[in-house]
Amino acid sequence: MPEAPPIPLPRMARPDPPRYDLWPEAMRSAWRLSGALVPCGPGVRGLGWPETPRVRLTAIAAWLRGGRIASHLTAAWVWGAARDPGDPLQASQLPGRRRPPEAVPGLRIYDLRGAGPESHDFGGLAVTTPPRTVLDLLYDPSGFGAREAIACRLLLRLTEDGGAEISRRIETHRRPHARLARERFAALAGSPARVRQPPLMR
């Protein structure tokens, strides 16, 4: 009689990193002084938590309250495609949520339209998907330098179609600064990426 196949073990759910931004300041400071908390962008992570998108996003949770999601260069950092999240951090306001009446220190806020399926949720915190992050960087009129170009090339490696969908969207969707995005994307496609993938990209 043939042996029965082994019963697959259930996959363990990944625990969410602790929300250190909700801790009392005194406790957070004491843990930092003891070395149990280490810098992660402008926030902190537990010493035993490796830098992953989930951990990076949790580290900047304090800036993502009120219906905001990480976007642009900050999102690229969350995905491991940028060395730092930028200063100020960049986030987009979800549709239907009001912007704060006053500026949030250390944060630049964009308006986000139609991003329901274009964001990824990690434990109640969200970041734009790699393809949407590339589009946001390509369309951003405030600047597109070497670090944005590198981030786009690395993010394109995380897309299933290698950027074909991004090219199609640039050509067919109506959005301000389309010519700028088209020129930037053509420059990315025309120059081979000689950038090694960061060791922390996961």
C-alpha atoms as a PDB file:
ATOM      1  CA  MET A   1       0.000   0.000   0.000  1.00  0.00           C
ATOM      2  CA  PRO A   2       1.567   3.327  -1.041  1.00  0.00           C
ATOM      3  CA  GLU A   3       2.476   5.802   1.634  1.00  0.00           C
ATOM      4  CA  ALA A   4       0.124   8.714   2.078  1.00  0.00           C
ATOM      5  CA  PRO A   5       1.686  12.034   1.077  1.00  0.00           C
ATOM      6  CA  PRO A   6       2.795  14.175   3.991  1.00  0.00           C
ATOM      7  CA  ILE A   7       0.279  16.702   5.226  1.00  0.00           C
ATOM      8  CA  PRO A   8       1.587  20.211   4.453  1.00  0.00           C
ATOM      9  CA  LEU A   9       2.172  22.328   7.499  1.00  0.00           C
ATOM     10  CA  PRO A  10       0.179  25.571   7.678  1.00  0.00           C
ATOM     11  CA  ARG A  11       2.132  28.676   6.770  1.00  0.00           C
ATOM     12  CA  MET A  12       2.851  30.818   9.774  1.00  0.00           C
ATOM     13  CA  ALA A  13       1.570  34.363   9.435  1.00  0.00           C
ATOM     14  CA  ARG A  14       4.329  36.921   9.551  1.00  0.00           C
ATOM     15  CA  PRO A  15       4.035  39.037  12.679  1.00  0.00           C
ATOM     16  CA  ASP A  16       3.823  42.769  12.261  1.00  0.00           C
ATOM     17  CA  PRO A  17       6.730  44.729  13.746  1.00  0.00           C
ATOM     18  CA  PRO A  18       5.853  46.660  16.911  1.00  0.00           C
ATOM     19  CA  ARG A  19       4.555  50.201  16.436  1.00  0.00           C
ATOM     20  CA  TYR A  20       7.320  51.978  18.319  1.00  0.00           C
ATOM     21  CA  ASP A  21       5.838  55.345  17.342  1.00  0.00           C
ATOM     22  CA  LEU A  22       2.956  54.573  19.729  1.00  0.00           C
ATOM     23  CA  TRP A  23       5.248  53.951  22.674  1.00  0.00           C
ATOM     24  CA  PRO A  24       5.793  56.654  25.299  1.00  0.00           C
ATOM     25  CA  GLU A  25       8.741  58.847  24.345  1.00  0.00           C
ATOM     26  CA  ALA A  26      10.602  57.993  27.564  1.00  0.00           C
ATOM     27  CA  MET A  27      10.403  54.248  26.874  1.00  0.00           C
ATOM     28  CA  ARG A  28      11.429  54.704  23.242  1.00  0.00           C
ATOM     29  CA  SER A  29      14.391  56.842  24.281  1.00  0.00           C
ATOM     30  CA  ALA A  30      15.506  54.308  26.889  1.00  0.00           C
ATOM     31  CA  TRP A  31      15.379  51.481  24.352  1.00  0.00           C
ATOM     32  CA  ARG A  32      17.390  53.534  21.893  1.00  0.00           C
ATOM     33  CA  LEU A  33      20.042  54.268  24.503  1.00  0.00           C
ATOM     34  CA  SER A  34      20.254  50.561  25.341  1.00  0.00           C
ATOM     35  CA  GLY A  35      20.737  49.686  21.656  1.00  0.00           C
ATOM     36  CA  ALA A  36      17.499  47.694  21.426  1.00  0.00           C
ATOM     37  CA  LEU A  37      16.145  50.217  18.896  1.00  0.00           C
ATOM     38  CA  VAL A  38      18.237  51.307  15.924  1.00  0.00           C
ATOM     39  CA  PRO A  39      17.648  53.957  13.242  1.00  0.00           C
ATOM     40  CA  CYS A  40      15.554  53.045  10.216  1.00  0.00           C
ATOM     41  CA  GLY A  41      15.047  56.093   8.029  1.00  0.00           C
ATOM     42  CA  PRO A  42      13.847  58.882  10.320  1.00  0.00           C
ATOM     43  CA  GLY A  43      12.208  56.270  12.569  1.00  0.00           C
ATOM     44  CA  VAL A  44      13.440  53.208  14.419  1.00  0.00           C
ATOM     45  CA  ARG A  45      13.257  49.438  14.193  1.00  0.00           C
ATOM     46  CA  GLY A  46      13.927  46.735  16.745  1.00  0.00           C
ATOM     47  CA  LEU A  47      17.474  45.417  16.681  1.00  0.00           C
ATOM     48  CA  GLY A  48      16.218  41.906  15.946  1.00  0.00           C
ATOM     49  CA  TRP A  49      14.025  42.969  13.029  1.00  0.00           C
ATOM     50  CA  PRO A  50      15.823  42.825   9.648  1.00  0.00           C
ATOM     51  CA  GLU A  51      15.151  45.633   7.199  1.00  0.00           C
ATOM     52  CA  THR A  52      12.317  44.496   4.950  1.00  0.00           C
ATOM     53  CA  PRO A  53       9.535  46.516   3.285  1.00  0.00           C
ATOM     54  CA  ARG A  54       7.210  45.713   6.194  1.00  0.00           C
ATOM     55  CA  VAL A  55       9.763  46.852   8.787  1.00  0.00           C
ATOM     56  CA  ARG A  56      10.745  50.012   6.889  1.00  0.00           C
ATOM     57  CA  LEU A  57       7.103  50.992   6.461  1.00  0.00           C
ATOM     58  CA  THR A  58       6.403  50.456  10.156  1.00  0.00           C
ATOM     59  CA  ALA A  59       9.425  52.601  11.030  1.00  0.00           C
ATOM     60  CA  ILE A  60       7.800  55.621   9.353  1.00  0.00           C
ATOM     61  CA  ALA A  61       4.264  54.910  10.600  1.00  0.00           C
ATOM     62  CA  ALA A  62       4.141  58.195  12.522  1.00  0.00           C
ATOM     63  CA  TRP A  63       4.166  60.093   9.204  1.00  0.00           C
ATOM     64  CA  LEU A  64       1.475  57.911   7.610  1.00  0.00           C
ATOM     65  CA  ARG A  65      -1.491  58.743   9.791  1.00  0.00           C
ATOM     66  CA  GLY A  66      -4.728  60.222   8.525  1.00  0.00           C
ATOM     67  CA  GLY A  67      -5.109  58.212   5.322  1.00  0.00           C
ATOM     68  CA  ARG A  68      -1.603  58.679   3.921  1.00  0.00           C
ATOM     69  CA  ILE A  69       0.497  56.049   2.143  1.00  0.00           C
ATOM     70  CA  ALA A  70       4.215  56.050   1.372  1.00  0.00           C
ATOM     71  CA  SER A  71       4.901  57.108  -2.211  1.00  0.00           C
ATOM     72  CA  HIS A  72       7.557  58.422  -4.608  1.00  0.00           C
ATOM     73  CA  LEU A  73      11.147  58.116  -3.346  1.00  0.00           C
ATOM     74  CA  THR A  74       9.971  57.107   0.134  1.00  0.00           C
ATOM     75  CA  ALA A  75       8.079  54.185  -1.398  1.00  0.00           C
ATOM     76  CA  ALA A  76      11.183  53.257  -3.403  1.00  0.00           C
ATOM     77  CA  TRP A  77      13.106  53.112  -0.108  1.00  0.00           C
ATOM     78  CA  VAL A  78      10.403  50.937   1.462  1.00  0.00           C
ATOM     79  CA  TRP A  79      10.828  48.460  -1.427  1.00  0.00           C
ATOM     80  CA  GLY A  80      14.622  48.555  -1.053  1.00  0.00           C
ATOM     81  CA  ALA A  81      15.294  50.520  -4.249  1.00  0.00           C
ATOM     82  CA  ALA A  82      16.727  53.653  -2.595  1.00  0.00           C
ATOM     83  CA  ARG A  83      19.399  54.131   0.042  1.00  0.00           C
ATOM     84  CA  ASP A  84      17.270  56.556   2.061  1.00  0.00           C
ATOM     85  CA  PRO A  85      13.617  57.642   2.124  1.00  0.00           C
ATOM     86  CA  GLY A  86      14.341  61.239   1.197  1.00  0.00           C
ATOM     87  CA  ASP A  87      14.051  64.406   3.223  1.00  0.00           C
ATOM     88  CA  PRO A  88      11.274  65.308   3.546  1.00  0.00           C
ATOM     89  CA  LEU A  89       9.466  61.976   3.388  1.00  0.00           C
ATOM     90  CA  GLN A  90       6.960  61.662   0.569  1.00  0.00           C
ATOM     91  CA  ALA A  91       3.443  60.359   1.038  1.00  0.00           C
ATOM     92  CA  SER A  92       0.182  60.540  -0.872  1.00  0.00           C
ATOM     93  CA  GLN A  93      -3.225  61.323   0.585  1.00  0.00           C
ATOM     94  CA  LEU A  94      -5.870  58.712  -0.170  1.00  0.00           C
ATOM     95  CA  PRO A  95      -8.948  59.894  -2.071  1.00  0.00           C
ATOM     96  CA  GLY A  96     -11.729  61.072   0.213  1.00  0.00           C
ATOM     97  CA  ARG A  97      -9.367  61.881   3.074  1.00  0.00           C
ATOM     98  CA  ARG A  98      -8.659  65.492   3.960  1.00  0.00           C
ATOM     99  CA  ARG A  99      -5.178  66.876   4.076  1.00  0.00           C
ATOM    100  CA  PRO A 100      -4.041  68.104   7.498  1.00  0.00           C
ATOM    101  CA  PRO A 101      -4.839  71.815   7.958  1.00  0.00           C
ATOM    102  CA  GLU A 102      -1.190  72.560   8.697  1.00  0.00           C
ATOM    103  CA  ALA A 103       2.019  71.266   7.184  1.00  0.00           C
ATOM    104  CA  VAL A 104       3.354  68.050   8.719  1.00  0.00           C
ATOM    105  CA  PRO A 105       7.040  68.521   9.647  1.00  0.00           C
ATOM    106  CA  GLY A 106       9.338  66.323   7.601  1.00  0.00           C
ATOM    107  CA  LEU A 107       6.616  65.282   5.151  1.00  0.00           C
ATOM    108  CA  ARG A 108       5.612  66.278   1.626  1.00  0.00           C
ATOM    109  CA  ILE A 109       2.053  65.258   0.764  1.00  0.00           C
ATOM    110  CA  TYR A 110       0.737  64.530  -2.731  1.00  0.00           C
ATOM    111  CA  ASP A 111      -2.832  63.886  -3.829  1.00  0.00           C
ATOM    112  CA  LEU A 112      -3.411  60.297  -4.885  1.00  0.00           C
ATOM    113  CA  ARG A 113      -6.087  59.393  -7.423  1.00  0.00           C
ATOM    114  CA  GLY A 114      -7.329  55.928  -8.268  1.00  0.00           C
ATOM    115  CA  ALA A 115      -4.780  54.028  -6.171  1.00  0.00           C
ATOM    116  CA  GLY A 116      -7.063  51.349  -4.706  1.00  0.00           C
ATOM    117  CA  PRO A 117      -5.331  48.391  -6.402  1.00  0.00           C
ATOM    118  CA  GLU A 118      -2.030  50.256  -6.715  1.00  0.00           C
ATOM    119  CA  SER A 119      -0.991  50.122  -3.091  1.00  0.00           C
ATOM    120  CA  HIS A 120       0.237  47.270  -0.932  1.00  0.00           C
ATOM    121  CA  ASP A 121      -0.871  46.896   2.671  1.00  0.00           C
ATOM    122  CA  PHE A 122       1.500  45.766   5.408  1.00  0.00           C
ATOM    123  CA  GLY A 123      -0.293  45.428   8.728  1.00  0.00           C
ATOM    124  CA  GLY A 124      -2.573  48.413   8.197  1.00  0.00           C
ATOM    125  CA  LEU A 125       0.110  50.622   6.640  1.00  0.00           C
ATOM    126  CA  ALA A 126       0.308  51.079   2.885  1.00  0.00           C
ATOM    127  CA  VAL A 127       2.880  51.846   0.206  1.00  0.00           C
ATOM    128  CA  THR A 128       2.415  52.356  -3.521  1.00  0.00           C
ATOM    129  CA  THR A 129       3.238  49.277  -5.583  1.00  0.00           C
ATOM    130  CA  PRO A 130       6.551  49.195  -7.474  1.00  0.00           C
ATOM    131  CA  PRO A 131       4.898  50.002 -10.857  1.00  0.00           C
ATOM    132  CA  ARG A 132       2.897  52.897  -9.378  1.00  0.00           C
ATOM    133  CA  THR A 133       6.017  54.173  -7.608  1.00  0.00           C
ATOM    134  CA  VAL A 134       7.896  54.242 -10.919  1.00  0.00           C
ATOM    135  CA  LEU A 135       5.054  56.203 -12.527  1.00  0.00           C
ATOM    136  CA  ASP A 136       4.919  58.694  -9.667  1.00  0.00           C
ATOM    137  CA  LEU A 137       8.659  59.319  -9.934  1.00  0.00           C
ATOM    138  CA  LEU A 138       8.529  59.681 -13.717  1.00  0.00           C
ATOM    139  CA  TYR A 139       5.665  62.197 -13.590  1.00  0.00           C
ATOM    140  CA  ASP A 140       6.937  64.246 -10.646  1.00  0.00           C
ATOM    141  CA  PRO A 141       7.810  67.745 -11.948  1.00  0.00           C
ATOM    142  CA  SER A 142       9.842  68.626  -8.864  1.00  0.00           C
ATOM    143  CA  GLY A 143      12.931  66.787 -10.078  1.00  0.00           C
ATOM    144  CA  PHE A 144      14.353  63.540 -11.416  1.00  0.00           C
ATOM    145  CA  GLY A 145      18.010  63.007 -10.628  1.00  0.00           C
ATOM    146  CA  ALA A 146      20.358  60.054 -10.409  1.00  0.00           C
ATOM    147  CA  ARG A 147      18.809  58.523  -7.306  1.00  0.00           C
ATOM    148  CA  GLU A 148      15.308  58.617  -8.819  1.00  0.00           C
ATOM    149  CA  ALA A 149      16.618  57.028 -12.031  1.00  0.00           C
ATOM    150  CA  ILE A 150      18.378  54.282 -10.073  1.00  0.00           C
ATOM    151  CA  ALA A 151      15.251  53.697  -7.989  1.00  0.00           C
ATOM    152  CA  CYS A 152      13.135  53.344 -11.148  1.00  0.00           C
ATOM    153  CA  ARG A 153      15.534  50.834 -12.697  1.00  0.00           C
ATOM    154  CA  LEU A 154      15.562  48.718  -9.547  1.00  0.00           C
ATOM    155  CA  LEU A 155      11.789  48.924  -9.149  1.00  0.00           C
ATOM    156  CA  LEU A 156      11.334  47.806 -12.759  1.00  0.00           C
ATOM    157  CA  ARG A 157      13.031  44.555 -11.773  1.00  0.00           C
ATOM    158  CA  LEU A 158      10.139  43.966  -9.368  1.00  0.00           C
ATOM    159  CA  THR A 159       7.487  44.347 -12.079  1.00  0.00           C
ATOM    160  CA  GLU A 160       6.159  41.257 -13.825  1.00  0.00           C
ATOM    161  CA  ASP A 161       6.332  42.617 -17.370  1.00  0.00           C
ATOM    162  CA  GLY A 162       9.626  44.501 -17.146  1.00  0.00           C
ATOM    163  CA  GLY A 163       7.990  47.866 -17.666  1.00  0.00           C
ATOM    164  CA  ALA A 164       5.776  47.193 -20.696  1.00  0.00           C
ATOM    165  CA  GLU A 165       2.648  48.130 -18.746  1.00  0.00           C
ATOM    166  CA  ILE A 166       4.306  51.327 -17.513  1.00  0.00           C
ATOM    167  CA  SER A 167       5.176  52.286 -21.088  1.00  0.00           C
ATOM    168  CA  ARG A 168       1.594  51.583 -22.191  1.00  0.00           C
ATOM    169  CA  ARG A 169       0.152  53.696 -19.387  1.00  0.00           C
ATOM    170  CA  ILE A 170       2.407  56.625 -20.187  1.00  0.00           C
ATOM    171  CA  GLU A 171       1.285  56.499 -23.811  1.00  0.00           C
ATOM    172  CA  THR A 172      -2.445  56.053 -23.192  1.00  0.00           C
ATOM    173  CA  HIS A 173      -3.358  57.689 -19.871  1.00  0.00           C
ATOM    174  CA  ARG A 174      -4.039  61.387 -19.583  1.00  0.00           C
ATOM    175  CA  ARG A 175      -2.034  62.848 -16.739  1.00  0.00           C
ATOM    176  CA  PRO A 176      -0.196  66.148 -16.293  1.00  0.00           C
ATOM    177  CA  HIS A 177       3.511  66.098 -17.271  1.00  0.00           C
ATOM    178  CA  ALA A 178       3.067  63.147 -19.662  1.00  0.00           C
ATOM    179  CA  ARG A 179       5.768  64.476 -21.988  1.00  0.00           C
ATOM    180  CA  LEU A 180       8.210  64.674 -19.080  1.00  0.00           C
ATOM    181  CA  ALA A 181       7.416  61.111 -18.024  1.00  0.00           C
ATOM    182  CA  ARG A 182       7.793  59.869 -21.602  1.00  0.00           C
ATOM    183  CA  GLU A 183      11.230  61.465 -21.962  1.00  0.00           C
ATOM    184  CA  ARG A 184      12.417  60.126 -18.622  1.00  0.00           C
ATOM    185  CA  PHE A 185      11.194  56.611 -19.355  1.00  0.00           C
ATOM    186  CA  ALA A 186      12.849  56.665 -22.776  1.00  0.00           C
ATOM    187  CA  ALA A 187      16.118  57.684 -21.121  1.00  0.00           C
ATOM    188  CA  LEU A 188      15.807  54.788 -18.666  1.00  0.00           C
ATOM    189  CA  ALA A 189      15.135  52.327 -21.465  1.00  0.00           C
ATOM    190  CA  GLY A 190      17.964  53.711 -23.578  1.00  0.00           C
ATOM    191  CA  SER A 191      20.729  53.421 -21.004  1.00  0.00           C
ATOM    192  CA  PRO A 192      21.486  50.000 -19.531  1.00  0.00           C
ATOM    193  CA  ALA A 193      21.353  49.780 -15.761  1.00  0.00           C
ATOM    194  CA  ARG A 194      24.784  49.100 -14.316  1.00  0.00           C
ATOM    195  CA  VAL A 195      23.519  49.189 -10.772  1.00  0.00           C
ATOM    196  CA  ARG A 196      23.887  46.335  -8.363  1.00  0.00           C
ATOM    197  CA  GLN A 197      20.760  45.433  -6.436  1.00  0.00           C
ATOM    198  CA  PRO A 198      20.943  46.648  -2.837  1.00  0.00           C
ATOM    199  CA  PRO A 199      21.441  43.764  -0.391  1.00  0.00           C
ATOM    200  CA  LEU A 200      18.403  44.850   1.622  1.00  0.00           C
ATOM    201  CA  MET A 201      15.879  44.634  -1.232  1.00  0.00           C
ATOM    202  CA  ARG A 202      13.257  42.015  -0.358  1.00  0.00           C
END
